Amino acid sequence: MHFLSELVKKPILENPFEQHLNIHRHFYRYSKGVFIGPALKISKTKAKITMKGAHEYEDLILEAVTTSISNSQENFEINGKLISSSDIANVISELGLNWVLKKSTGKTKNYKAEIVDEINKDLLLQIIDVFRENCYLLLSYNRNATCKVTTKKNIPQPSKKKVEEDDVSKRIQFCTGVINNTDANLEMLIDLAAPDFKSELPNNWKSITILNNYTINQIEIPANIKDTRLLRIMAIRKGKMIRSLDVDGDLIEKQYSLVV
């Protein structure tokens, strides 16, 4: 499940660092203040549904497109990059993958794997789920005109703009996915991306845009930790999340108290 959909269900997390790392890691970079979170646009025509997402929505788009594949065992080609905060070579091996993980040499300490592989639906869905805890999976594939996903291979710098200065149309070019417009695919996608707005969506909408912004009011620093990097990573952020849904020009907003 995408980390924002998990937060909608349970926005107050107990022991975020120890028990909810798949969510907590998305908030490492935030200090006190108001911050722009990821955005997602979903539009539909009679034949297809198109998703355009900012960074941190690429896993949801990849999951949605992959879930829409009917043949679970048919192999197809994928390419892209895996970026991890830790050495997960053993996890890659346990999944039966031959991806070569290399440690970075720059200031940012991480591990990367360039990916060119053939894979099936079931294994890819398993990979998406396993790697959500500490990785970014930046994958692309093109099976046909209504089953494809394209993701950029480099993570963008965090936005320093104020919420009112946000250029959503530019940010959502990070990842694009296309699937057939069927009732099953549409229901699946709304369940993944906007479960909290499901009952408020009109039947015949053409385009929706989901915005997520955070206000961090308080940061709890763990005691007896001297490493500044660990302090930032282990700190608990408290505040609120504002989720806005633009439905063909009409705005619906929900707010959630956060402990992450």
Protein backbone atom coordinates (compact mmCIF):
# COMPACT_ATOMS: atom_id res chain seq x y z
CA MET A 1 0.00 0.00 0.00
CA HIS A 2 1.23 3.51 -0.82
CA PHE A 3 2.51 5.35 2.23
CA LEU A 4 -0.06 8.17 1.95
CA SER A 5 -2.96 5.73 1.79
CA GLU A 6 -1.56 4.08 4.93
CA LEU A 7 -1.35 7.47 6.62
CA VAL A 8 -4.97 8.22 5.76
CA LYS A 9 -5.97 5.04 7.59
CA LYS A 10 -3.64 5.63 10.55
CA PRO A 11 -2.10 9.14 10.68
CA ILE A 12 -0.91 8.84 14.29
CA LEU A 13 1.94 6.31 14.25
CA GLU A 14 3.40 4.62 17.31
CA ASN A 15 7.19 4.21 17.14
CA PRO A 16 7.43 5.39 13.52
CA PHE A 17 11.14 4.61 13.11
CA GLU A 18 10.93 1.09 14.53
CA GLN A 19 7.52 -0.02 13.26
CA HIS A 20 6.60 2.12 10.24
CA LEU A 21 9.83 2.78 8.37
CA ASN A 22 8.06 2.56 4.98
CA ILE A 23 6.12 5.72 5.98
CA HIS A 24 8.56 7.40 8.36
CA ARG A 25 11.39 7.58 5.80
CA HIS A 26 9.37 9.92 3.58
CA PHE A 27 9.54 12.56 6.33
CA TYR A 28 13.30 12.47 7.12
CA ARG A 29 13.98 15.70 5.27
CA TYR A 30 11.36 17.87 6.96
CA SER A 31 12.11 20.34 9.71
CA LYS A 32 9.49 22.67 11.20
CA GLY A 33 7.39 24.54 8.66
CA VAL A 34 5.01 24.06 5.73
CA PHE A 35 6.11 21.73 2.94
CA ILE A 36 4.89 20.62 -0.47
CA GLY A 37 4.28 16.88 -0.66
CA PRO A 38 3.77 14.61 -3.69
CA ALA A 39 1.03 15.20 -6.25
CA LEU A 40 -0.86 12.91 -8.61
CA LYS A 41 -3.13 13.62 -11.59
CA ILE A 42 -5.50 11.01 -12.98
CA SER A 43 -7.39 11.68 -16.21
CA LYS A 44 -9.55 9.40 -18.29
CA THR A 45 -10.95 9.08 -21.78
CA LYS A 46 -13.27 6.41 -23.11
CA ALA A 47 -10.35 4.08 -23.86
CA LYS A 48 -7.67 4.76 -21.24
CA ILE A 49 -6.72 6.12 -17.83
CA THR A 50 -3.56 8.21 -17.59
CA MET A 51 -1.67 8.84 -14.36
CA LYS A 52 0.96 11.55 -13.96
CA GLY A 53 2.80 11.70 -10.67
CA ALA A 54 5.45 13.61 -8.80
CA HIS A 55 8.30 11.77 -7.07
CA GLU A 56 6.97 9.52 -4.26
CA TYR A 57 3.99 8.52 -6.39
CA GLU A 58 6.04 6.41 -8.82
CA ASP A 59 5.50 3.23 -6.80
CA LEU A 60 1.72 3.71 -6.81
CA ILE A 61 1.68 4.28 -10.58
CA LEU A 62 3.93 1.26 -11.13
CA GLU A 63 1.69 -0.86 -8.88
CA ALA A 64 -1.48 0.27 -10.67
CA VAL A 65 -0.17 -0.46 -14.16
CA THR A 66 1.27 -3.81 -13.10
CA THR A 67 -1.93 -4.83 -11.31
CA SER A 68 -3.88 -4.19 -14.52
CA ILE A 69 -1.94 -6.90 -16.40
CA SER A 70 -4.18 -9.93 -16.97
CA ASN A 71 -1.52 -12.61 -17.47
CA SER A 72 0.37 -12.93 -14.18
CA GLN A 73 3.10 -15.25 -15.51
CA GLU A 74 3.96 -13.65 -18.86
CA ASN A 75 7.42 -12.05 -18.84
CA PHE A 76 8.02 -8.51 -20.09
CA GLU A 77 11.05 -6.24 -20.21
CA ILE A 78 11.68 -3.58 -17.58
CA ASN A 79 14.43 -1.00 -17.23
CA GLY A 80 15.35 1.70 -14.75
CA LYS A 81 17.11 2.15 -11.44
CA LEU A 82 16.87 1.05 -7.81
CA ILE A 83 18.07 3.49 -5.14
CA SER A 84 18.39 2.28 -1.55
CA SER A 85 19.52 3.86 1.70
CA SER A 86 21.09 0.58 2.82
CA ASP A 87 22.84 -2.47 1.43
CA ILE A 88 19.99 -4.78 0.37
CA ALA A 89 22.03 -7.15 -1.80
CA ASN A 90 20.77 -10.11 0.26
CA VAL A 91 17.13 -9.09 -0.32
CA ILE A 92 17.76 -8.79 -4.06
CA SER A 93 19.30 -12.26 -4.05
CA GLU A 94 16.44 -13.77 -2.02
CA LEU A 95 13.99 -12.48 -4.64
CA GLY A 96 15.95 -14.33 -7.31
CA LEU A 97 17.12 -11.15 -9.03
CA ASN A 98 20.50 -10.55 -10.64
CA TRP A 99 20.55 -6.80 -10.06
CA VAL A 100 24.04 -5.55 -9.14
CA LEU A 101 23.97 -3.11 -6.23
CA LYS A 102 26.78 -0.55 -6.06
CA LYS A 103 27.63 1.81 -3.21
CA SER A 104 27.69 5.50 -4.10
CA THR A 105 30.93 7.45 -3.95
CA GLY A 106 29.44 10.94 -3.41
CA LYS A 107 28.35 12.81 -0.29
CA THR A 108 24.96 11.11 -0.23
CA LYS A 109 25.52 7.59 1.03
CA ASN A 110 23.26 5.20 -0.82
CA TYR A 111 23.24 2.12 -3.03
CA LYS A 112 22.13 1.95 -6.64
CA ALA A 113 21.40 -0.74 -9.21
CA GLU A 114 20.91 -0.18 -12.93
CA ILE A 115 18.11 -2.47 -14.08
CA VAL A 116 17.49 -4.20 -17.41
CA ASP A 117 15.53 -7.38 -16.85
CA GLU A 118 12.59 -9.57 -17.82
CA ILE A 119 9.98 -10.14 -15.18
CA ASN A 120 6.36 -11.18 -14.65
CA LYS A 121 3.47 -9.44 -12.92
CA ASP A 122 3.50 -11.46 -9.70
CA LEU A 123 7.21 -11.01 -9.04
CA LEU A 124 7.13 -7.31 -9.84
CA LEU A 125 4.25 -6.71 -7.42
CA GLN A 126 6.23 -8.58 -4.75
CA ILE A 127 9.29 -6.42 -5.47
CA ILE A 128 7.27 -3.20 -5.20
CA ASP A 129 5.94 -4.28 -1.81
CA VAL A 130 9.30 -5.45 -0.40
CA PHE A 131 11.29 -2.41 -1.53
CA ARG A 132 8.85 0.18 -0.21
CA GLU A 133 10.50 0.13 3.21
CA ASN A 134 13.83 1.63 2.23
CA CYS A 135 14.10 2.01 -1.57
CA TYR A 136 12.99 4.05 -4.54
CA LEU A 137 12.15 1.85 -7.53
CA LEU A 138 12.34 3.95 -10.69
CA LEU A 139 11.14 1.55 -13.38
CA SER A 140 9.76 1.84 -16.90
CA TYR A 141 8.18 -0.65 -19.30
CA ASN A 142 5.95 -0.58 -22.38
CA ARG A 143 3.82 -3.63 -23.06
CA ASN A 144 1.34 -1.80 -25.31
CA ALA A 145 -0.45 1.56 -25.68
CA THR A 146 -2.66 0.94 -22.63
CA CYS A 147 -0.18 -0.83 -20.37
CA LYS A 148 2.95 1.22 -19.88
CA VAL A 149 4.84 3.22 -17.29
CA THR A 150 7.67 5.72 -17.73
CA THR A 151 9.75 6.95 -14.78
CA LYS A 152 12.72 9.29 -14.70
CA LYS A 153 15.93 7.75 -13.38
CA ASN A 154 17.08 10.61 -11.15
CA ILE A 155 15.25 11.77 -8.02
CA PRO A 156 14.52 15.52 -8.11
CA GLN A 157 15.70 17.92 -5.43
CA PRO A 158 13.04 18.64 -2.76
CA SER A 159 10.96 21.70 -3.60
CA LYS A 160 11.86 24.88 -1.74
CA LYS A 161 8.80 26.73 -3.03
CA LYS A 162 5.91 27.83 -0.87
CA VAL A 163 2.63 25.96 -1.29
CA GLU A 164 1.07 28.87 -3.18
CA GLU A 165 4.04 28.88 -5.62
CA ASP A 166 3.80 25.18 -6.41
CA ASP A 167 4.08 24.26 -10.10
CA VAL A 168 2.07 21.05 -10.03
CA SER A 169 2.06 20.55 -13.81
CA LYS A 170 5.88 20.45 -13.81
CA ARG A 171 6.25 18.18 -10.78
CA ILE A 172 3.89 15.49 -12.08
CA GLN A 173 6.09 14.84 -15.10
CA PHE A 174 8.29 12.53 -12.99
CA CYS A 175 6.28 9.38 -13.68
CA THR A 176 3.53 8.53 -16.16
CA GLY A 177 1.37 5.42 -16.40
CA VAL A 178 -1.40 4.33 -18.78
CA ILE A 179 -3.97 1.55 -18.32
CA ASN A 180 -7.23 0.50 -19.95
CA ASN A 181 -10.31 2.41 -18.81
CA THR A 182 -12.39 -0.36 -17.25
CA ASP A 183 -14.60 -0.29 -14.17
CA ALA A 184 -12.25 -2.71 -12.40
CA ASN A 185 -9.12 -0.67 -13.18
CA LEU A 186 -10.80 2.57 -12.16
CA GLU A 187 -11.96 1.15 -8.83
CA MET A 188 -8.53 -0.35 -8.20
CA LEU A 189 -6.80 2.97 -8.88
CA ILE A 190 -9.10 5.03 -6.65
CA ASP A 191 -8.65 2.47 -3.86
CA LEU A 192 -4.87 2.85 -4.20
CA ALA A 193 -4.69 6.63 -4.55
CA ALA A 194 -7.73 8.25 -2.96
CA PRO A 195 -9.59 5.87 -0.65
CA ASP A 196 -10.59 8.74 1.63
CA PHE A 197 -12.29 10.61 -1.25
CA LYS A 198 -13.98 7.61 -2.85
CA SER A 199 -17.49 8.30 -1.58
CA GLU A 200 -17.32 11.96 -2.64
CA LEU A 201 -16.28 11.45 -6.25
CA PRO A 202 -18.98 12.13 -8.86
CA ASN A 203 -19.70 9.34 -11.33
CA ASN A 204 -18.64 11.09 -14.52
CA TRP A 205 -15.47 12.95 -13.60
CA LYS A 206 -12.83 13.47 -16.27
CA SER A 207 -9.78 14.53 -14.29
CA ILE A 208 -8.71 14.57 -10.63
CA THR A 209 -5.56 15.97 -9.05
CA ILE A 210 -4.46 14.94 -5.56
CA LEU A 211 -2.23 17.33 -3.59
CA ASN A 212 -0.57 16.51 -0.27
CA ASN A 213 0.98 19.22 1.87
CA TYR A 214 2.47 18.97 5.36
CA THR A 215 2.72 21.33 8.29
CA ILE A 216 5.30 20.23 10.86
CA ASN A 217 4.79 21.99 14.20
CA GLN A 218 6.92 19.87 16.53
CA ILE A 219 9.96 17.58 16.26
CA GLU A 220 10.79 15.11 19.01
CA ILE A 221 14.50 14.31 19.13
CA PRO A 222 15.54 10.90 20.53
CA ALA A 223 17.62 10.97 23.69
CA ASN A 224 21.17 9.66 23.99
CA ILE A 225 21.87 9.87 20.23
CA LYS A 226 24.90 11.98 19.27
CA ASP A 227 25.12 11.18 15.56
CA THR A 228 23.42 14.13 13.81
CA ARG A 229 22.42 11.99 10.83
CA LEU A 230 20.73 9.45 13.08
CA LEU A 231 19.01 12.26 15.01
CA ARG A 232 17.44 13.53 11.79
CA ILE A 233 16.41 10.05 10.71
CA MET A 234 15.00 8.91 14.05
CA ALA A 235 13.25 12.17 14.98
CA ILE A 236 9.44 12.10 15.15
CA ARG A 237 7.54 14.84 13.31
CA LYS A 238 4.18 16.09 14.57
CA GLY A 239 1.77 18.31 12.69
CA LYS A 240 -0.90 17.88 10.03
CA MET A 241 -1.39 16.69 6.48
CA ILE A 242 -3.69 18.58 4.11
CA ARG A 243 -5.00 16.47 1.22
CA SER A 244 -6.76 18.36 -1.56
CA LEU A 245 -8.70 16.75 -4.39
CA ASP A 246 -9.41 18.86 -7.47
CA VAL A 247 -12.25 17.20 -9.38
CA ASP A 248 -12.77 18.92 -12.74
CA GLY A 249 -12.18 22.28 -11.04
CA ASP A 250 -14.10 21.61 -7.82
CA LEU A 251 -11.97 21.33 -4.66
CA ILE A 252 -12.44 18.91 -1.76
CA GLU A 253 -10.06 19.14 1.21
CA LYS A 254 -9.35 16.87 4.18
CA GLN A 255 -6.95 17.39 7.09
CA TYR A 256 -5.26 14.79 9.26
CA SER A 257 -3.25 15.21 12.46
CA LEU A 258 0.14 13.57 11.94
CA VAL A 259 2.66 11.80 14.12
CA VAL A 260 5.32 10.40 11.79
